[in-house]
Amino acid sequence: MENELKRIYSGSFVNAEFIGSVLEENDIQFLIRNFQEESLVAGWAANTIKGEASVFVFEKDYEKAMSLLAEIEASEMEEEPEE
């Protein structure tokens, strides 16, 4: 089932786009779904948080994508100032 899509992220649309750019740099195909925007285009409003989106990758790329997400999270942790 390597053509099956798996969700790797759900949260803000801004973060989803950033994750998408990292995936693209690493030659991983992805799909970003902004459910609220999709529903508005269809003529109704989804009951979701404004600006929420999900990022999906093919199952064959799932492990690599999750590894990249872990690297992103680790680098963000290093950048946060200590109190």
PDB file of N, CA and C in Angstrom:
ATOM      1  N   MET A   1       0.816  -1.190   0.000  1.00  0.00           N
ATOM      2  CA  MET A   1       0.000   0.000   0.000  1.00  0.00           C
ATOM      3  C   MET A   1       0.863   1.260   0.000  1.00  0.00           C
ATOM      4  N   GLU A   2       1.890   1.320  -0.801  1.00  0.00           N
ATOM      5  CA  GLU A   2       2.757   2.485  -0.783  1.00  0.00           C
ATOM      6  C   GLU A   2       2.096   3.714  -1.388  1.00  0.00           C
ATOM      7  N   ASN A   3       0.932   3.565  -2.032  1.00  0.00           N
ATOM      8  CA  ASN A   3       0.205   4.719  -2.568  1.00  0.00           C
ATOM      9  C   ASN A   3      -0.780   5.298  -1.565  1.00  0.00           C
ATOM     10  N   GLU A   4      -0.847   4.701  -0.385  1.00  0.00           N
ATOM     11  CA  GLU A   4      -1.746   5.199   0.648  1.00  0.00           C
ATOM     12  C   GLU A   4      -1.145   6.449   1.288  1.00  0.00           C
ATOM     13  N   LEU A   5      -1.996   7.452   1.534  1.00  0.00           N
ATOM     14  CA  LEU A   5      -1.536   8.677   2.179  1.00  0.00           C
ATOM     15  C   LEU A   5      -1.611   8.537   3.692  1.00  0.00           C
ATOM     16  N   LYS A   6      -0.602   9.076   4.365  1.00  0.00           N
ATOM     17  CA  LYS A   6      -0.576   9.069   5.822  1.00  0.00           C
ATOM     18  C   LYS A   6      -0.365  10.494   6.308  1.00  0.00           C
ATOM     19  N   ARG A   7      -1.109  10.871   7.319  1.00  0.00           N
ATOM     20  CA  ARG A   7      -0.981  12.213   7.882  1.00  0.00           C
ATOM     21  C   ARG A   7       0.261  12.267   8.769  1.00  0.00           C
ATOM     22  N   ILE A   8       1.065  13.313   8.551  1.00  0.00           N
ATOM     23  CA  ILE A   8       2.253  13.495   9.382  1.00  0.00           C
ATOM     24  C   ILE A   8       2.152  14.735  10.257  1.00  0.00           C
ATOM     25  N   TYR A   9       1.195  15.612   9.957  1.00  0.00           N
ATOM     26  CA  TYR A   9       1.069  16.847  10.724  1.00  0.00           C
ATOM     27  C   TYR A   9      -0.354  17.368  10.642  1.00  0.00           C
ATOM     28  N   SER A  10      -0.814  17.919  11.744  1.00  0.00           N
ATOM     29  CA  SER A  10      -2.081  18.645  11.806  1.00  0.00           C
ATOM     30  C   SER A  10      -1.852  19.839  12.705  1.00  0.00           C
ATOM     31  N   GLY A  11      -2.188  21.015  12.216  1.00  0.00           N
ATOM     32  CA  GLY A  11      -1.992  22.222  12.999  1.00  0.00           C
ATOM     33  C   GLY A  11      -2.124  23.441  12.125  1.00  0.00           C
ATOM     34  N   SER A  12      -1.328  24.456  12.404  1.00  0.00           N
ATOM     35  CA  SER A  12      -1.476  25.719  11.680  1.00  0.00           C
ATOM     36  C   SER A  12      -1.074  25.576  10.206  1.00  0.00           C
ATOM     37  N   PHE A  13      -1.759  26.338   9.377  1.00  0.00           N
ATOM     38  CA  PHE A  13      -1.480  26.313   7.942  1.00  0.00           C
ATOM     39  C   PHE A  13      -0.071  26.823   7.656  1.00  0.00           C
ATOM     40  N   VAL A  14       0.393  27.805   8.423  1.00  0.00           N
ATOM     41  CA  VAL A  14       1.745  28.352   8.236  1.00  0.00           C
ATOM     42  C   VAL A  14       2.782  27.265   8.472  1.00  0.00           C
ATOM     43  N   ASN A  15       2.630  26.512   9.564  1.00  0.00           N
ATOM     44  CA  ASN A  15       3.555  25.409   9.837  1.00  0.00           C
ATOM     45  C   ASN A  15       3.464  24.333   8.766  1.00  0.00           C
ATOM     46  N   ALA A  16       2.250  24.062   8.293  1.00  0.00           N
ATOM     47  CA  ALA A  16       2.061  23.056   7.248  1.00  0.00           C
ATOM     48  C   ALA A  16       2.819  23.450   5.982  1.00  0.00           C
ATOM     49  N   GLU A  17       2.767  24.721   5.625  1.00  0.00           N
ATOM     50  CA  GLU A  17       3.498  25.174   4.440  1.00  0.00           C
ATOM     51  C   GLU A  17       5.008  25.070   4.647  1.00  0.00           C
ATOM     52  N   PHE A  18       5.486  25.369   5.856  1.00  0.00           N
ATOM     53  CA  PHE A  18       6.909  25.231   6.139  1.00  0.00           C
ATOM     54  C   PHE A  18       7.336  23.768   6.031  1.00  0.00           C
ATOM     55  N   ILE A  19       6.549  22.882   6.614  1.00  0.00           N
ATOM     56  CA  ILE A  19       6.844  21.453   6.527  1.00  0.00           C
ATOM     57  C   ILE A  19       6.842  21.010   5.071  1.00  0.00           C
ATOM     58  N   GLY A  20       5.884  21.510   4.294  1.00  0.00           N
ATOM     59  CA  GLY A  20       5.834  21.192   2.869  1.00  0.00           C
ATOM     60  C   GLY A  20       7.104  21.611   2.145  1.00  0.00           C
ATOM     61  N   SER A  21       7.650  22.777   2.501  1.00  0.00           N
ATOM     62  CA  SER A  21       8.881  23.233   1.841  1.00  0.00           C
ATOM     63  C   SER A  21      10.061  22.337   2.199  1.00  0.00           C
ATOM     64  N   VAL A  22      10.095  21.862   3.441  1.00  0.00           N
ATOM     65  CA  VAL A  22      11.168  20.942   3.847  1.00  0.00           C
ATOM     66  C   VAL A  22      11.020  19.618   3.110  1.00  0.00           C
ATOM     67  N   LEU A  23       9.807  19.121   2.994  1.00  0.00           N
ATOM     68  CA  LEU A  23       9.569  17.873   2.267  1.00  0.00           C
ATOM     69  C   LEU A  23       9.974  18.020   0.803  1.00  0.00           C
ATOM     70  N   GLU A  24       9.608  19.137   0.211  1.00  0.00           N
ATOM     71  CA  GLU A  24       9.942  19.391  -1.195  1.00  0.00           C
ATOM     72  C   GLU A  24      11.457  19.417  -1.404  1.00  0.00           C
ATOM     73  N   GLU A  25      12.186  20.047  -0.487  1.00  0.00           N
ATOM     74  CA  GLU A  25      13.653  20.089  -0.575  1.00  0.00           C
ATOM     75  C   GLU A  25      14.266  18.696  -0.507  1.00  0.00           C
ATOM     76  N   ASN A  26      13.545  17.758   0.097  1.00  0.00           N
ATOM     77  CA  ASN A  26      14.034  16.395   0.257  1.00  0.00           C
ATOM     78  C   ASN A  26      13.352  15.415  -0.703  1.00  0.00           C
ATOM     79  N   ASP A  27      12.768  15.962  -1.768  1.00  0.00           N
ATOM     80  CA  ASP A  27      12.132  15.162  -2.825  1.00  0.00           C
ATOM     81  C   ASP A  27      11.059  14.205  -2.313  1.00  0.00           C
ATOM     82  N   ILE A  28      10.263  14.690  -1.365  1.00  0.00           N
ATOM     83  CA  ILE A  28       9.141  13.906  -0.859  1.00  0.00           C
ATOM     84  C   ILE A  28       7.858  14.577  -1.323  1.00  0.00           C
ATOM     85  N   GLN A  29       7.032  13.812  -2.032  1.00  0.00           N
ATOM     86  CA  GLN A  29       5.746  14.344  -2.474  1.00  0.00           C
ATOM     87  C   GLN A  29       4.819  14.461  -1.270  1.00  0.00           C
ATOM     88  N   PHE A  30       4.009  15.511  -1.254  1.00  0.00           N
ATOM     89  CA  PHE A  30       3.133  15.749  -0.115  1.00  0.00           C
ATOM     90  C   PHE A  30       1.840  16.409  -0.577  1.00  0.00           C
ATOM     91  N   LEU A  31       0.881  16.427   0.327  1.00  0.00           N
ATOM     92  CA  LEU A  31      -0.403  17.079   0.091  1.00  0.00           C
ATOM     93  C   LEU A  31      -0.744  17.869   1.341  1.00  0.00           C
ATOM     94  N   ILE A  32      -1.086  19.140   1.164  1.00  0.00           N
ATOM     95  CA  ILE A  32      -1.558  19.957   2.276  1.00  0.00           C
ATOM     96  C   ILE A  32      -3.057  20.160   2.085  1.00  0.00           C
ATOM     97  N   ARG A  33      -3.822  19.822   3.118  1.00  0.00           N
ATOM     98  CA  ARG A  33      -5.269  20.023   3.069  1.00  0.00           C
ATOM     99  C   ARG A  33      -5.658  21.057   4.106  1.00  0.00           C
ATOM    100  N   ASN A  34      -6.264  22.127   3.620  1.00  0.00           N
ATOM    101  CA  ASN A  34      -6.811  23.171   4.477  1.00  0.00           C
ATOM    102  C   ASN A  34      -8.321  22.994   4.416  1.00  0.00           C
ATOM    103  N   PHE A  35      -8.867  22.294   5.395  1.00  0.00           N
ATOM    104  CA  PHE A  35     -10.265  21.883   5.334  1.00  0.00           C
ATOM    105  C   PHE A  35     -11.234  23.054   5.344  1.00  0.00           C
ATOM    106  N   GLN A  36     -10.911  24.112   6.051  1.00  0.00           N
ATOM    107  CA  GLN A  36     -11.815  25.263   6.075  1.00  0.00           C
ATOM    108  C   GLN A  36     -11.876  25.922   4.698  1.00  0.00           C
ATOM    109  N   GLU A  37     -10.716  26.128   4.068  1.00  0.00           N
ATOM    110  CA  GLU A  37     -10.692  26.718   2.722  1.00  0.00           C
ATOM    111  C   GLU A  37     -11.435  25.833   1.732  1.00  0.00           C
ATOM    112  N   GLU A  38     -11.216  24.516   1.826  1.00  0.00           N
ATOM    113  CA  GLU A  38     -11.912  23.588   0.921  1.00  0.00           C
ATOM    114  C   GLU A  38     -13.426  23.699   1.081  1.00  0.00           C
ATOM    115  N   SER A  39     -13.885  23.804   2.327  1.00  0.00           N
ATOM    116  CA  SER A  39     -15.329  23.870   2.549  1.00  0.00           C
ATOM    117  C   SER A  39     -15.904  25.192   2.045  1.00  0.00           C
ATOM    118  N   LEU A  40     -15.162  26.286   2.214  1.00  0.00           N
ATOM    119  CA  LEU A  40     -15.646  27.575   1.723  1.00  0.00           C
ATOM    120  C   LEU A  40     -15.774  27.584   0.204  1.00  0.00           C
ATOM    121  N   VAL A  41     -14.814  26.967  -0.467  1.00  0.00           N
ATOM    122  CA  VAL A  41     -14.869  26.878  -1.931  1.00  0.00           C
ATOM    123  C   VAL A  41     -16.082  26.045  -2.351  1.00  0.00           C
ATOM    124  N   ALA A  42     -16.405  25.027  -1.549  1.00  0.00           N
ATOM    125  CA  ALA A  42     -17.544  24.160  -1.862  1.00  0.00           C
ATOM    126  C   ALA A  42     -18.883  24.813  -1.512  1.00  0.00           C
ATOM    127  N   GLY A  43     -18.843  25.928  -0.769  1.00  0.00           N
ATOM    128  CA  GLY A  43     -20.074  26.634  -0.471  1.00  0.00           C
ATOM    129  C   GLY A  43     -20.622  26.424   0.922  1.00  0.00           C
ATOM    130  N   TRP A  44     -19.833  25.867   1.814  1.00  0.00           N
ATOM    131  CA  TRP A  44     -20.258  25.708   3.193  1.00  0.00           C
ATOM    132  C   TRP A  44     -19.040  25.884   4.092  1.00  0.00           C
ATOM    133  N   ALA A  45     -19.230  26.054   5.375  1.00  0.00           N
ATOM    134  CA  ALA A  45     -18.113  26.297   6.294  1.00  0.00           C
ATOM    135  C   ALA A  45     -17.906  25.101   7.221  1.00  0.00           C
ATOM    136  N   ALA A  46     -16.712  24.545   7.170  1.00  0.00           N
ATOM    137  CA  ALA A  46     -16.379  23.420   8.042  1.00  0.00           C
ATOM    138  C   ALA A  46     -16.247  23.898   9.480  1.00  0.00           C
ATOM    139  N   ASN A  47     -16.537  23.026  10.393  1.00  0.00           N
ATOM    140  CA  ASN A  47     -16.422  23.339  11.814  1.00  0.00           C
ATOM    141  C   ASN A  47     -15.003  23.013  12.287  1.00  0.00           C
ATOM    142  N   THR A  48     -14.020  23.794  11.802  1.00  0.00           N
ATOM    143  CA  THR A  48     -12.624  23.602  12.192  1.00  0.00           C
ATOM    144  C   THR A  48     -12.057  24.923  12.672  1.00  0.00           C
ATOM    145  N   ILE A  49     -10.913  24.834  13.294  1.00  0.00           N
ATOM    146  CA  ILE A  49     -10.226  26.037  13.745  1.00  0.00           C
ATOM    147  C   ILE A  49      -9.680  26.758  12.515  1.00  0.00           C
ATOM    148  N   LYS A  50      -9.878  28.064  12.457  1.00  0.00           N
ATOM    149  CA  LYS A  50      -9.417  28.840  11.315  1.00  0.00           C
ATOM    150  C   LYS A  50      -7.901  28.689  11.160  1.00  0.00           C
ATOM    151  N   GLY A  51      -7.475  28.423   9.933  1.00  0.00           N
ATOM    152  CA  GLY A  51      -6.052  28.306   9.646  1.00  0.00           C
ATOM    153  C   GLY A  51      -5.469  26.941   9.936  1.00  0.00           C
ATOM    154  N   GLU A  52      -6.313  25.953  10.249  1.00  0.00           N
ATOM    155  CA  GLU A  52      -5.819  24.613  10.537  1.00  0.00           C
ATOM    156  C   GLU A  52      -5.674  23.830   9.239  1.00  0.00           C
ATOM    157  N   ALA A  53      -4.594  23.058   9.155  1.00  0.00           N
ATOM    158  CA  ALA A  53      -4.330  22.265   7.965  1.00  0.00           C
ATOM    159  C   ALA A  53      -3.668  20.952   8.363  1.00  0.00           C
ATOM    160  N   SER A  54      -3.642  20.010   7.432  1.00  0.00           N
ATOM    161  CA  SER A  54      -2.958  18.731   7.625  1.00  0.00           C
ATOM    162  C   SER A  54      -2.014  18.497   6.464  1.00  0.00           C
ATOM    163  N   VAL A  55      -0.900  17.815   6.763  1.00  0.00           N
ATOM    164  CA  VAL A  55       0.077  17.455   5.739  1.00  0.00           C
ATOM    165  C   VAL A  55       0.079  15.933   5.627  1.00  0.00           C
ATOM    166  N   PHE A  56       0.009  15.445   4.390  1.00  0.00           N
ATOM    167  CA  PHE A  56       0.008  14.016   4.122  1.00  0.00           C
ATOM    168  C   PHE A  56       1.166  13.665   3.194  1.00  0.00           C
ATOM    169  N   VAL A  57       1.719  12.458   3.378  1.00  0.00           N
ATOM    170  CA  VAL A  57       2.743  11.931   2.478  1.00  0.00           C
ATOM    171  C   VAL A  57       2.351  10.500   2.114  1.00  0.00           C
ATOM    172  N   PHE A  58       2.968   9.980   1.053  1.00  0.00           N
ATOM    173  CA  PHE A  58       2.739   8.584   0.704  1.00  0.00           C
ATOM    174  C   PHE A  58       3.392   7.697   1.755  1.00  0.00           C
ATOM    175  N   GLU A  59       2.796   6.538   1.972  1.00  0.00           N
ATOM    176  CA  GLU A  59       3.291   5.621   2.995  1.00  0.00           C
ATOM    177  C   GLU A  59       4.758   5.259   2.784  1.00  0.00           C
ATOM    178  N   LYS A  60       5.194   5.164   1.538  1.00  0.00           N
ATOM    179  CA  LYS A  60       6.585   4.810   1.255  1.00  0.00           C
ATOM    180  C   LYS A  60       7.560   5.871   1.760  1.00  0.00           C
ATOM    181  N   ASP A  61       7.097   7.112   1.919  1.00  0.00           N
ATOM    182  CA  ASP A  61       7.939   8.215   2.387  1.00  0.00           C
ATOM    183  C   ASP A  61       7.710   8.567   3.855  1.00  0.00           C
ATOM    184  N   TYR A  62       6.828   7.845   4.506  1.00  0.00           N
ATOM    185  CA  TYR A  62       6.404   8.198   5.860  1.00  0.00           C
ATOM    186  C   TYR A  62       7.575   8.259   6.844  1.00  0.00           C
ATOM    187  N   GLU A  63       8.391   7.234   6.884  1.00  0.00           N
ATOM    188  CA  GLU A  63       9.501   7.194   7.843  1.00  0.00           C
ATOM    189  C   GLU A  63      10.477   8.344   7.624  1.00  0.00           C
ATOM    190  N   LYS A  64      10.815   8.609   6.369  1.00  0.00           N
ATOM    191  CA  LYS A  64      11.738   9.704   6.064  1.00  0.00           C
ATOM    192  C   LYS A  64      11.121  11.046   6.465  1.00  0.00           C
ATOM    193  N   ALA A  65       9.843  11.223   6.180  1.00  0.00           N
ATOM    194  CA  ALA A  65       9.158  12.469   6.523  1.00  0.00           C
ATOM    195  C   ALA A  65       9.106  12.665   8.038  1.00  0.00           C
ATOM    196  N   MET A  66       8.813  11.613   8.777  1.00  0.00           N
ATOM    197  CA  MET A  66       8.760  11.715  10.234  1.00  0.00           C
ATOM    198  C   MET A  66      10.137  12.028  10.809  1.00  0.00           C
ATOM    199  N   SER A  67      11.171  11.478  10.201  1.00  0.00           N
ATOM    200  CA  SER A  67      12.538  11.774  10.628  1.00  0.00           C
ATOM    201  C   SER A  67      12.855  13.256  10.415  1.00  0.00           C
ATOM    202  N   LEU A  68      12.432  13.801   9.276  1.00  0.00           N
ATOM    203  CA  LEU A  68      12.631  15.218   8.999  1.00  0.00           C
ATOM    204  C   LEU A  68      11.870  16.090  10.000  1.00  0.00           C
ATOM    205  N   LEU A  69      10.651  15.685  10.337  1.00  0.00           N
ATOM    206  CA  LEU A  69       9.876  16.435  11.331  1.00  0.00           C
ATOM    207  C   LEU A  69      10.576  16.422  12.692  1.00  0.00           C
ATOM    208  N   ALA A  70      11.150  15.289  13.050  1.00  0.00           N
ATOM    209  CA  ALA A  70      11.873  15.201  14.320  1.00  0.00           C
ATOM    210  C   ALA A  70      13.081  16.140  14.307  1.00  0.00           C
ATOM    211  N   GLU A  71      13.761  16.233  13.161  1.00  0.00           N
ATOM    212  CA  GLU A  71      14.898  17.149  13.039  1.00  0.00           C
ATOM    213  C   GLU A  71      14.449  18.605  13.174  1.00  0.00           C
ATOM    214  N   ILE A  72      13.311  18.936  12.574  1.00  0.00           N
ATOM    215  CA  ILE A  72      12.773  20.296  12.667  1.00  0.00           C
ATOM    216  C   ILE A  72      12.464  20.627  14.122  1.00  0.00           C
ATOM    217  N   GLU A  73      11.781  19.715  14.804  1.00  0.00           N
ATOM    218  CA  GLU A  73      11.427  19.944  16.205  1.00  0.00           C
ATOM    219  C   GLU A  73      12.674  20.088  17.068  1.00  0.00           C
ATOM    220  N   ALA A  74      13.691  19.275  16.814  1.00  0.00           N
ATOM    221  CA  ALA A  74      14.931  19.348  17.592  1.00  0.00           C
ATOM    222  C   ALA A  74      15.624  20.688  17.370  1.00  0.00           C
ATOM    223  N   SER A  75      15.652  21.161  16.132  1.00  0.00           N
ATOM    224  CA  SER A  75      16.314  22.432  15.856  1.00  0.00           C
ATOM    225  C   SER A  75      15.538  23.599  16.467  1.00  0.00           C
ATOM    226  N   GLU A  76      14.217  23.506  16.518  1.00  0.00           N
ATOM    227  CA  GLU A  76      13.411  24.544  17.148  1.00  0.00           C
ATOM    228  C   GLU A  76      13.644  24.577  18.653  1.00  0.00           C
ATOM    229  N   MET A  77      13.825  23.414  19.244  1.00  0.00           N
ATOM    230  CA  MET A  77      14.081  23.342  20.684  1.00  0.00           C
ATOM    231  C   MET A  77      15.414  24.006  21.017  1.00  0.00           C
ATOM    232  N   GLU A  78      16.401  23.841  20.145  1.00  0.00           N
ATOM    233  CA  GLU A  78      17.715  24.439  20.366  1.00  0.00           C
ATOM    234  C   GLU A  78      17.668  25.949  20.268  1.00  0.00           C
ATOM    235  N   GLU A  79      16.762  26.474  19.431  1.00  0.00           N
ATOM    236  CA  GLU A  79      16.666  27.907  19.210  1.00  0.00           C
ATOM    237  C   GLU A  79      15.906  28.638  20.297  1.00  0.00           C
ATOM    238  N   GLU A  80      15.075  27.947  21.069  1.00  0.00           N
ATOM    239  CA  GLU A  80      14.267  28.602  22.093  1.00  0.00           C
ATOM    240  C   GLU A  80      15.162  29.076  23.223  1.00  0.00           C
ATOM    241  N   PRO A  81      15.017  30.346  23.614  1.00  0.00           N
ATOM    242  CA  PRO A  81      15.838  30.866  24.720  1.00  0.00           C
ATOM    243  C   PRO A  81      15.415  30.263  26.052  1.00  0.00           C
ATOM    244  N   GLU A  82      16.395  30.019  26.886  1.00  0.00           N
ATOM    245  CA  GLU A  82      16.103  29.477  28.207  1.00  0.00           C
ATOM    246  C   GLU A  82      15.724  30.600  29.144  1.00  0.00           C
ATOM    247  N   GLU A  83      14.816  30.330  30.063  1.00  0.00           N
ATOM    248  CA  GLU A  83      14.367  31.356  31.003  1.00  0.00           C
ATOM    249  C   GLU A  83      15.163  31.299  32.268  1.00  0.00           C
TER     250      GLU A  83
END
